[in-house]
Amino acid sequence: MAKESIITLIHTNDLHSHLENWPKIRRYLNAQQQNLKTANNDVFTFDIGDALDRVNPLTEATLGTANIALLNQAHYDGVTIGNNEGLSLPQTALNKLYDTAEFPVICANIFDKKTGVRPSWATPISYQTAQDGTKIAVIGLTAPFPDSYPLRNWTVTDIWSLLTDLIKTATKQADIIILLSHLGIDTDRQIAKAYPAVDVILGAHTHHLLEHGEVINNTLLAAAGKWGRWIGKINLFIENHKIVKKIARVTITDELPKIAADDVEIAGYFTVGEQQLTASKIAKLKEPLRRNDGTLMQETLNMLKARTNTPAAFLSTGLFLTDLPVGYINKNDLLKLLPHHMYPMVTELDGQNLIRLLKEMHKNQMFMRGFKMVGLGFRGKALGDIVFDGIHYDLKLKQWYYDNELIDEQKRYQIASLDYYKFLPFLPSIEIAGKNRIIMEKILREELADYLMQTYPLN
């Protein structure tokens, strides 16, 4: 008679530092690990990336190390990285992020740009062995972003150049292959069609929810939405080390029991983070910088022009979520002001295409003003109005001027903004006609902090 057993996979993804859900998630994971593990049932727990997001003050204050301490509480058996881990942190911080991790970080396609070597904290495949002797190979992959990762001194390779060899290696050493995929639902489906040897794909990145999974060929796809609102769970029924049945489902986090201490714990995360950020003073203002009178916008445009060494810049008013008051300004003030994950960018265009871009802005202005933007690093409410510095339009002459000179359609011009605008659908000339240089050393609020520190010193 065949020996039967069950392997339970529990998975989270795209938490994005939504720690308001963490106490319930941790209790659920710990209870499942304890209660389901029996002589014929094993439990393995995985996170599929973007566990952190620097919009959270605790994450910002610790550059993510507090998030790793929380993951340790849940006894994960492996995690992969998402673009938030990979791109929102400078390379030095990412290289330290997992120093205290009590789980393997599984990511096969990230390499140091200079050395070409995979970082010491990453492993391409992690092997697990169930109690019945069934061997499991866990492969991790993250979304490549070829234009961005090199600016953070990483090379993240295309997955197709690696997958064949990874699966060939895993097939030789394991009975079951699981892929931790921070690649998105479309790529997961392509992998399932191309590589039926992959038994389970635990997905992320596109924040998709597969309540009962999705089967393509022999592969079960699963994913648990975003922000910890759901927790994924899969039962693999095993006979003689082979899967004979797969069942996927999700648990709704909001429906899990809450205890009195949860609110105190959640508030504590934010309080500790804000205290650490508040203690880090940056500048001292003699006058407030406000949104409604243009002073905040002007200083940020000044910073952008100085940082990029260009005579013209533009930004949208929806970027600014607060004002900066008189007196000491600290890192917490700047996090509230600019919670976005964006970087300075210089776009070079000929005069003809610069004018076309300016016309695009004018044409779309009314629509952009109230557009409820989500994603692309934007953490505000609406795009707002475009504001220029170094560029103006003469209504009488109906002509555009750059640095007080009439724009020549044949000349080349540079204009500073943010990488964010390259990806918006409203301003296609930036990506289509522009030569774009993203300065990915510090995010926007860090760049503004440096400028304020020099312009309005503490002493």
Protein backbone atom coordinates (compact mmCIF):
# COMPACT_ATOMS: atom_id res chain seq x y z
CA MET A 1 0.00 0.00 0.00
CA ALA A 2 1.38 3.43 -0.96
CA LYS A 3 2.54 5.63 1.88
CA GLU A 4 0.53 8.85 1.99
CA SER A 5 1.58 12.19 3.45
CA ILE A 6 0.78 15.87 3.11
CA ILE A 7 3.09 18.82 2.55
CA THR A 8 1.47 22.16 3.43
CA LEU A 9 2.87 25.32 1.89
CA ILE A 10 1.92 28.63 3.52
CA HIS A 11 2.85 31.79 1.66
CA THR A 12 2.74 35.57 1.90
CA ASN A 13 3.71 38.21 -0.62
CA ASP A 14 3.79 41.96 -1.20
CA LEU A 15 3.31 42.90 2.45
CA HIS A 16 4.82 46.32 1.66
CA SER A 17 5.36 47.05 5.37
CA HIS A 18 1.62 46.95 6.08
CA LEU A 19 2.36 46.08 9.67
CA GLU A 20 -1.24 46.68 10.70
CA ASN A 21 -1.82 43.11 9.54
CA TRP A 22 1.32 41.59 10.99
CA PRO A 23 0.17 40.41 14.47
CA LYS A 24 -2.63 38.36 12.92
CA ILE A 25 -0.35 37.00 10.18
CA ARG A 26 2.36 36.00 12.65
CA ARG A 27 -0.10 34.22 14.95
CA TYR A 28 -1.68 32.40 12.03
CA LEU A 29 1.68 31.27 10.62
CA ASN A 30 2.97 30.12 14.00
CA ALA A 31 -0.27 28.26 14.77
CA GLN A 32 -0.30 26.53 11.39
CA GLN A 33 3.32 25.49 11.77
CA GLN A 34 2.66 24.08 15.21
CA ASN A 35 -0.78 22.52 14.72
CA LEU A 36 -0.41 21.03 11.25
CA LYS A 37 2.99 19.46 11.66
CA THR A 38 2.42 15.80 12.44
CA ALA A 39 4.05 12.51 11.57
CA ASN A 40 2.57 12.63 8.08
CA ASN A 41 2.14 16.37 7.52
CA ASP A 42 4.96 18.83 6.98
CA VAL A 43 4.62 22.63 6.90
CA PHE A 44 6.85 25.01 4.94
CA THR A 45 6.42 28.80 4.97
CA PHE A 46 7.60 31.24 2.29
CA ASP A 47 7.47 34.96 1.49
CA ILE A 48 7.61 35.98 -2.15
CA GLY A 49 9.11 39.47 -1.86
CA ASP A 50 8.27 43.12 -1.31
CA ALA A 51 7.93 42.45 2.38
CA LEU A 52 9.16 45.99 3.04
CA ASP A 53 8.28 49.45 1.81
CA ARG A 54 10.05 52.61 2.88
CA VAL A 55 6.80 54.53 3.24
CA ASN A 56 6.59 52.92 6.69
CA PRO A 57 8.53 54.91 9.33
CA LEU A 58 9.96 51.79 11.02
CA THR A 59 11.20 50.48 7.69
CA GLU A 60 12.61 53.89 6.78
CA ALA A 61 14.35 54.33 10.12
CA THR A 62 16.01 50.91 10.01
CA LEU A 63 16.34 50.55 6.22
CA GLY A 64 14.35 47.36 6.45
CA THR A 65 16.21 45.48 9.17
CA ALA A 66 13.18 45.76 11.48
CA ASN A 67 11.14 43.96 8.82
CA ILE A 68 13.59 41.08 8.82
CA ALA A 69 13.31 40.80 12.59
CA LEU A 70 9.54 40.49 12.17
CA LEU A 71 9.89 37.82 9.49
CA ASN A 72 12.10 35.88 11.90
CA GLN A 73 9.17 35.76 14.32
CA ALA A 74 7.14 33.82 11.75
CA HIS A 75 9.80 31.14 11.14
CA TYR A 76 9.89 31.34 7.36
CA ASP A 77 11.64 28.52 5.52
CA GLY A 78 12.69 30.83 2.72
CA VAL A 79 12.02 34.19 1.06
CA THR A 80 12.85 35.83 -2.21
CA ILE A 81 13.32 39.53 -2.82
CA GLY A 82 11.04 41.93 -4.63
CA ASN A 83 11.83 45.18 -6.36
CA ASN A 84 11.26 47.08 -3.10
CA GLU A 85 14.08 45.22 -1.40
CA GLY A 86 16.20 45.35 -4.52
CA LEU A 87 15.67 48.92 -5.68
CA SER A 88 14.49 51.07 -2.78
CA LEU A 89 17.65 50.31 -0.79
CA PRO A 90 21.19 51.28 -1.79
CA GLN A 91 23.46 48.34 -2.43
CA THR A 92 25.26 48.70 0.90
CA ALA A 93 21.96 48.54 2.78
CA LEU A 94 20.69 45.55 0.80
CA ASN A 95 23.95 43.73 1.48
CA LYS A 96 23.31 44.19 5.22
CA LEU A 97 19.56 43.65 5.17
CA TYR A 98 19.60 39.92 5.81
CA ASP A 99 22.50 39.77 8.27
CA THR A 100 20.19 38.59 11.07
CA ALA A 101 17.81 36.55 8.88
CA GLU A 102 16.97 33.10 10.23
CA PHE A 103 15.90 31.86 6.81
CA PRO A 104 17.53 31.47 3.40
CA VAL A 105 17.10 34.25 0.85
CA ILE A 106 16.43 32.47 -2.43
CA CYS A 107 17.11 34.53 -5.54
CA ALA A 108 18.94 33.09 -8.52
CA ASN A 109 19.07 36.06 -10.89
CA ILE A 110 20.73 38.87 -8.91
CA PHE A 111 24.46 39.57 -9.26
CA ASP A 112 26.88 42.29 -8.25
CA LYS A 113 27.34 44.56 -11.25
CA LYS A 114 31.08 44.99 -10.76
CA THR A 115 32.10 41.43 -9.87
CA GLY A 116 29.39 39.48 -11.67
CA VAL A 117 29.07 37.34 -8.56
CA ARG A 118 25.80 36.51 -6.82
CA PRO A 119 25.73 38.24 -3.39
CA SER A 120 26.60 36.12 -0.37
CA TRP A 121 23.13 36.52 1.11
CA ALA A 122 21.40 34.97 -1.93
CA THR A 123 21.17 31.33 -2.93
CA PRO A 124 19.68 30.18 -6.25
CA ILE A 125 18.08 27.01 -4.88
CA SER A 126 17.24 25.95 -1.34
CA TYR A 127 16.59 22.29 -0.60
CA GLN A 128 14.16 21.06 2.03
CA THR A 129 13.42 17.49 3.10
CA ALA A 130 10.03 16.42 4.41
CA GLN A 131 9.67 13.91 7.23
CA ASP A 132 8.79 11.13 4.79
CA GLY A 133 12.01 11.79 2.87
CA THR A 134 10.43 13.75 0.02
CA LYS A 135 12.97 16.25 -1.24
CA ILE A 136 11.87 19.74 -2.24
CA ALA A 137 13.83 22.20 -4.38
CA VAL A 138 12.86 25.84 -3.89
CA ILE A 139 13.98 28.25 -6.63
CA GLY A 140 13.67 32.02 -6.26
CA LEU A 141 13.50 34.67 -9.01
CA THR A 142 12.81 38.40 -8.98
CA ALA A 143 11.64 40.84 -11.65
CA PRO A 144 14.65 42.01 -13.72
CA PHE A 145 14.10 45.81 -14.27
CA PRO A 146 17.12 46.05 -16.60
CA ASP A 147 17.13 49.87 -16.70
CA SER A 148 17.04 50.31 -12.93
CA TYR A 149 19.08 47.62 -11.21
CA PRO A 150 22.40 48.63 -12.82
CA LEU A 151 21.92 52.09 -11.31
CA ARG A 152 21.92 50.38 -7.89
CA ASN A 153 25.09 48.47 -8.88
CA TRP A 154 23.25 45.19 -9.47
CA THR A 155 22.74 43.04 -12.53
CA VAL A 156 19.45 41.19 -12.44
CA THR A 157 19.40 38.81 -15.36
CA ASP A 158 16.53 37.71 -17.51
CA ILE A 159 15.00 34.59 -16.00
CA TRP A 160 14.84 32.55 -19.19
CA SER A 161 18.61 32.34 -19.41
CA LEU A 162 18.68 30.66 -16.00
CA LEU A 163 15.53 28.61 -15.66
CA THR A 164 16.44 25.68 -17.85
CA ASP A 165 19.68 25.03 -15.93
CA LEU A 166 18.05 25.63 -12.55
CA ILE A 167 15.25 23.19 -13.26
CA LYS A 168 17.67 20.64 -14.66
CA THR A 169 19.72 20.86 -11.45
CA ALA A 170 16.66 20.75 -9.23
CA THR A 171 15.16 17.76 -11.04
CA LYS A 172 18.27 15.71 -10.36
CA GLN A 173 18.25 16.40 -6.64
CA ALA A 174 14.59 16.75 -5.65
CA ASP A 175 11.17 15.15 -6.02
CA ILE A 176 9.24 18.44 -6.02
CA ILE A 177 10.11 21.84 -7.51
CA ILE A 178 8.63 25.04 -6.07
CA LEU A 179 9.29 28.47 -7.59
CA LEU A 180 9.15 31.62 -5.50
CA SER A 181 8.31 34.08 -8.27
CA HIS A 182 8.38 37.83 -7.81
CA LEU A 183 7.83 38.09 -11.56
CA GLY A 184 4.13 38.74 -12.02
CA ILE A 185 1.18 36.66 -13.15
CA ASP A 186 1.89 36.85 -16.90
CA THR A 187 5.42 35.54 -16.51
CA ASP A 188 4.23 32.84 -14.09
CA ARG A 189 1.80 31.58 -16.71
CA GLN A 190 4.53 31.54 -19.34
CA ILE A 191 6.79 29.54 -17.02
CA ALA A 192 4.01 27.06 -16.30
CA LYS A 193 3.50 26.50 -20.02
CA ALA A 194 7.22 26.18 -20.76
CA TYR A 195 8.35 24.18 -17.72
CA PRO A 196 5.85 21.53 -16.59
CA ALA A 197 8.52 20.15 -14.23
CA VAL A 198 7.75 23.07 -11.90
CA ASP A 199 5.10 21.71 -9.54
CA VAL A 200 4.09 24.95 -7.77
CA ILE A 201 4.63 28.63 -8.53
CA LEU A 202 4.09 30.93 -5.56
CA GLY A 203 3.55 34.30 -7.20
CA ALA A 204 3.88 37.99 -6.36
CA HIS A 205 4.73 41.41 -7.81
CA THR A 206 1.49 42.09 -9.69
CA HIS A 207 -0.55 41.82 -6.47
CA HIS A 208 -2.81 39.19 -8.00
CA LEU A 209 -5.04 36.99 -5.88
CA LEU A 210 -5.68 33.37 -6.85
CA GLU A 211 -8.16 32.22 -4.23
CA HIS A 212 -8.16 28.60 -5.37
CA GLY A 213 -5.01 28.64 -7.45
CA GLU A 214 -4.75 28.20 -11.19
CA VAL A 215 -3.51 25.07 -12.93
CA ILE A 216 -1.58 25.22 -16.20
CA ASN A 217 -0.32 21.88 -17.49
CA ASN A 218 1.07 20.21 -14.38
CA THR A 219 1.83 23.44 -12.53
CA LEU A 220 -0.26 24.99 -9.76
CA LEU A 221 -0.06 28.79 -9.58
CA ALA A 222 -0.90 30.49 -6.28
CA ALA A 223 -0.78 34.07 -5.00
CA ALA A 224 -2.11 36.00 -2.00
CA GLY A 225 -2.90 39.50 -3.21
CA LYS A 226 -1.17 42.36 -1.43
CA TRP A 227 -0.56 44.07 1.91
CA GLY A 228 -1.09 40.90 3.95
CA ARG A 229 -4.83 40.97 3.33
CA TRP A 230 -4.69 37.29 2.44
CA ILE A 231 -2.46 34.37 3.39
CA GLY A 232 -2.01 31.54 0.92
CA LYS A 233 -2.13 27.86 1.76
CA ILE A 234 -1.50 24.81 -0.41
CA ASN A 235 -1.84 21.12 0.40
CA LEU A 236 0.29 18.75 -1.63
CA PHE A 237 -0.81 15.13 -1.23
CA ILE A 238 2.18 12.84 -1.56
CA GLU A 239 2.48 9.14 -2.39
CA ASN A 240 5.92 7.59 -2.69
CA HIS A 241 7.50 11.06 -2.87
CA LYS A 242 5.27 12.12 -5.80
CA ILE A 243 2.45 14.65 -5.81
CA VAL A 244 -0.92 13.02 -6.49
CA LYS A 245 -3.15 16.00 -5.67
CA LYS A 246 -2.84 19.76 -5.13
CA ILE A 247 -5.30 22.07 -3.37
CA ALA A 248 -4.84 25.86 -3.05
CA ARG A 249 -6.86 28.35 -1.03
CA VAL A 250 -6.40 31.59 0.89
CA THR A 251 -7.27 32.85 4.35
CA ILE A 252 -8.69 36.36 4.70
CA THR A 253 -6.53 38.08 7.30
CA ASP A 254 -9.29 40.44 8.38
CA GLU A 255 -11.36 37.44 9.45
CA LEU A 256 -8.66 36.07 11.76
CA PRO A 257 -9.19 36.66 15.49
CA LYS A 258 -7.86 39.88 16.96
CA ILE A 259 -6.56 40.27 20.50
CA ALA A 260 -6.46 43.37 22.67
CA ALA A 261 -2.68 43.70 22.44
CA ASP A 262 -2.69 43.97 18.64
CA ASP A 263 -3.47 47.67 18.47
CA VAL A 264 -0.75 48.46 20.99
CA GLU A 265 1.77 46.39 19.05
CA ILE A 266 0.86 47.96 15.71
CA ALA A 267 0.99 51.47 17.12
CA GLY A 268 4.35 50.64 18.64
CA TYR A 269 5.86 49.86 15.24
CA PHE A 270 4.95 53.31 13.94
CA THR A 271 5.87 55.09 17.16
CA VAL A 272 9.33 53.54 17.34
CA GLY A 273 9.99 54.34 13.69
CA GLU A 274 8.78 57.92 13.99
CA GLN A 275 10.80 58.47 17.18
CA GLN A 276 13.98 57.34 15.46
CA LEU A 277 13.31 59.51 12.41
CA THR A 278 12.30 62.53 14.50
CA ALA A 279 15.54 62.31 16.43
CA SER A 280 17.47 62.80 13.18
CA LYS A 281 17.35 66.57 12.57
CA ILE A 282 18.18 67.86 9.09
CA ALA A 283 17.69 71.61 8.86
CA LYS A 284 16.29 74.68 10.59
CA LEU A 285 13.80 76.87 8.73
CA LYS A 286 13.25 80.52 9.57
CA GLU A 287 10.15 80.59 7.37
CA PRO A 288 7.76 77.75 6.54
CA LEU A 289 7.82 76.03 3.16
CA ARG A 290 4.21 75.62 2.10
CA ARG A 291 2.33 73.97 -0.72
CA ASN A 292 -0.26 76.68 -1.24
CA ASP A 293 2.14 79.60 -1.70
CA GLY A 294 4.63 77.79 -3.94
CA THR A 295 7.61 78.06 -1.58
CA LEU A 296 7.86 74.31 -1.09
CA MET A 297 7.65 73.64 -4.80
CA GLN A 298 10.23 76.32 -5.59
CA GLU A 299 12.81 74.99 -3.16
CA THR A 300 12.32 71.45 -4.46
CA LEU A 301 12.75 72.65 -8.03
CA ASN A 302 15.87 74.54 -6.94
CA MET A 303 17.19 71.33 -5.44
CA LEU A 304 16.42 69.37 -8.59
CA LYS A 305 18.17 71.87 -10.85
CA ALA A 306 21.21 72.02 -8.58
CA ARG A 307 21.39 68.24 -8.22
CA THR A 308 21.19 67.64 -11.96
CA ASN A 309 23.07 70.78 -13.07
CA THR A 310 20.29 71.76 -15.46
CA PRO A 311 18.68 75.21 -15.95
CA ALA A 312 15.10 73.88 -16.16
CA ALA A 313 12.93 71.47 -14.19
CA PHE A 314 9.32 70.49 -13.61
CA LEU A 315 7.36 68.68 -10.91
CA SER A 316 3.71 68.05 -10.10
CA THR A 317 2.03 69.52 -7.04
CA GLY A 318 0.52 66.19 -5.95
CA LEU A 319 3.95 65.04 -4.81
CA PHE A 320 3.77 67.13 -1.64
CA LEU A 321 1.55 65.69 1.06
CA THR A 322 2.37 68.15 3.87
CA ASP A 323 4.09 71.48 4.53
CA LEU A 324 7.40 72.08 6.29
CA PRO A 325 6.98 74.29 9.38
CA VAL A 326 9.24 76.89 10.94
CA GLY A 327 11.99 75.45 13.09
CA TYR A 328 13.79 72.13 13.06
CA ILE A 329 13.05 69.73 10.21
CA ASN A 330 13.72 66.03 10.71
CA LYS A 331 13.60 62.83 8.69
CA ASN A 332 10.08 62.07 9.84
CA ASP A 333 8.91 65.40 8.43
CA LEU A 334 10.39 64.50 5.07
CA LEU A 335 8.90 61.00 5.09
CA LYS A 336 5.44 62.51 5.62
CA LEU A 337 6.13 65.16 2.99
CA LEU A 338 7.53 62.87 0.28
CA PRO A 339 6.79 59.19 1.00
CA HIS A 340 7.39 58.30 -2.64
CA HIS A 341 9.97 55.95 -4.11
CA MET A 342 11.29 58.20 -6.89
CA TYR A 343 14.63 59.42 -8.21
CA PRO A 344 15.86 62.54 -10.05
CA MET A 345 16.01 62.22 -13.82
CA VAL A 346 17.42 64.35 -16.63
CA THR A 347 15.69 64.18 -20.01
CA GLU A 348 17.50 65.40 -23.09
CA LEU A 349 15.38 66.39 -26.11
CA ASP A 350 15.71 68.44 -29.24
CA GLY A 351 13.70 71.64 -29.28
CA GLN A 352 10.95 70.21 -31.46
CA ASN A 353 10.30 67.32 -29.08
CA LEU A 354 10.65 69.54 -26.03
CA ILE A 355 7.85 71.72 -27.37
CA ARG A 356 5.79 68.62 -28.08
CA LEU A 357 6.32 67.47 -24.48
CA LEU A 358 5.23 70.86 -23.19
CA LYS A 359 2.12 70.68 -25.37
CA GLU A 360 1.37 67.22 -23.95
CA MET A 361 1.56 68.67 -20.46
CA HIS A 362 -0.74 71.54 -21.40
CA LYS A 363 -3.23 69.27 -23.17
CA ASN A 364 -3.40 66.75 -20.31
CA GLN A 365 -3.21 69.24 -17.46
CA MET A 366 -6.90 69.27 -16.58
CA PHE A 367 -7.06 65.49 -16.59
CA MET A 368 -3.80 65.01 -14.67
CA ARG A 369 -4.77 67.52 -11.98
CA GLY A 370 -7.31 65.25 -10.33
CA PHE A 371 -6.13 61.88 -11.62
CA LYS A 372 -6.10 59.35 -8.77
CA MET A 373 -2.71 57.83 -9.37
CA VAL A 374 -1.76 54.44 -7.92
CA GLY A 375 1.63 52.75 -8.18
CA LEU A 376 4.86 53.59 -10.02
CA GLY A 377 6.36 54.65 -6.70
CA PHE A 378 3.70 57.33 -6.13
CA ARG A 379 2.31 57.39 -2.59
CA GLY A 380 0.11 60.46 -2.91
CA LYS A 381 -3.54 61.00 -3.84
CA ALA A 382 -3.63 62.78 -7.21
CA LEU A 383 -1.02 63.93 -9.73
CA GLY A 384 -1.79 67.62 -9.42
CA ASP A 385 -0.62 70.52 -11.59
CA ILE A 386 2.69 70.64 -13.46
CA VAL A 387 4.95 73.50 -12.31
CA PHE A 388 7.99 74.64 -14.34
CA ASP A 389 11.15 76.45 -13.44
CA GLY A 390 13.36 77.67 -16.26
CA ILE A 391 10.64 77.23 -18.87
CA HIS A 392 7.79 79.62 -19.60
CA TYR A 393 5.20 80.34 -22.27
CA ASP A 394 4.52 83.78 -23.75
CA LEU A 395 0.76 84.01 -24.22
CA LYS A 396 0.96 87.02 -26.58
CA LEU A 397 3.64 85.61 -28.83
CA LYS A 398 2.52 81.98 -28.32
CA GLN A 399 6.10 80.88 -27.92
CA TRP A 400 7.98 78.68 -25.45
CA TYR A 401 11.15 79.87 -23.73
CA TYR A 402 13.91 77.85 -22.08
CA ASP A 403 16.19 79.67 -19.65
CA ASN A 404 14.75 82.96 -21.01
CA GLU A 405 15.66 82.13 -24.61
CA LEU A 406 13.27 81.13 -27.37
CA ILE A 407 13.35 77.37 -27.86
CA ASP A 408 15.13 76.44 -31.09
CA GLU A 409 13.63 73.28 -32.60
CA GLN A 410 17.06 72.10 -33.75
CA LYS A 411 18.97 72.61 -30.51
CA ARG A 412 19.32 70.06 -27.69
CA TYR A 413 17.89 70.80 -24.26
CA GLN A 414 17.94 69.17 -20.85
CA ILE A 415 15.12 69.26 -18.34
CA ALA A 416 15.15 67.78 -14.84
CA SER A 417 12.25 65.89 -13.31
CA LEU A 418 11.71 62.46 -11.73
CA ASP A 419 11.93 58.94 -13.15
CA TYR A 420 8.25 58.63 -12.25
CA TYR A 421 7.20 60.79 -15.19
CA LYS A 422 8.91 58.49 -17.67
CA PHE A 423 6.37 55.79 -16.89
CA LEU A 424 3.21 57.90 -16.95
CA PRO A 425 0.98 57.50 -20.03
CA PHE A 426 0.27 61.23 -20.22
CA LEU A 427 3.75 62.37 -21.29
CA PRO A 428 4.89 59.89 -23.97
CA SER A 429 7.56 62.16 -25.44
CA ILE A 430 9.74 61.63 -22.36
CA GLU A 431 10.17 57.94 -23.10
CA ILE A 432 9.74 57.94 -26.87
CA ALA A 433 11.90 60.93 -27.84
CA GLY A 434 13.90 61.63 -24.72
CA LYS A 435 17.34 60.46 -23.74
CA ASN A 436 16.80 59.82 -20.04
CA ARG A 437 19.42 59.63 -17.29
CA ILE A 438 18.12 58.52 -13.89
CA ILE A 439 20.23 59.45 -10.86
CA MET A 440 19.52 56.48 -8.63
CA GLU A 441 21.83 57.25 -5.74
CA LYS A 442 19.21 58.58 -3.32
CA ILE A 443 15.43 58.77 -3.37
CA LEU A 444 13.69 62.13 -3.72
CA ARG A 445 13.29 62.92 -0.01
CA GLU A 446 16.94 62.06 0.66
CA GLU A 447 18.01 64.43 -2.10
CA LEU A 448 15.81 67.17 -0.63
CA ALA A 449 17.23 66.45 2.82
CA ASP A 450 20.77 67.02 1.53
CA TYR A 451 19.70 70.29 -0.10
CA LEU A 452 17.93 71.58 3.01
CA MET A 453 20.89 70.60 5.16
CA GLN A 454 23.15 72.82 3.10
CA THR A 455 20.67 75.65 2.47
CA TYR A 456 19.23 75.86 5.97
CA PRO A 457 21.95 74.51 8.29
CA LEU A 458 21.13 73.53 11.85
CA ASN A 459 23.67 75.99 13.24
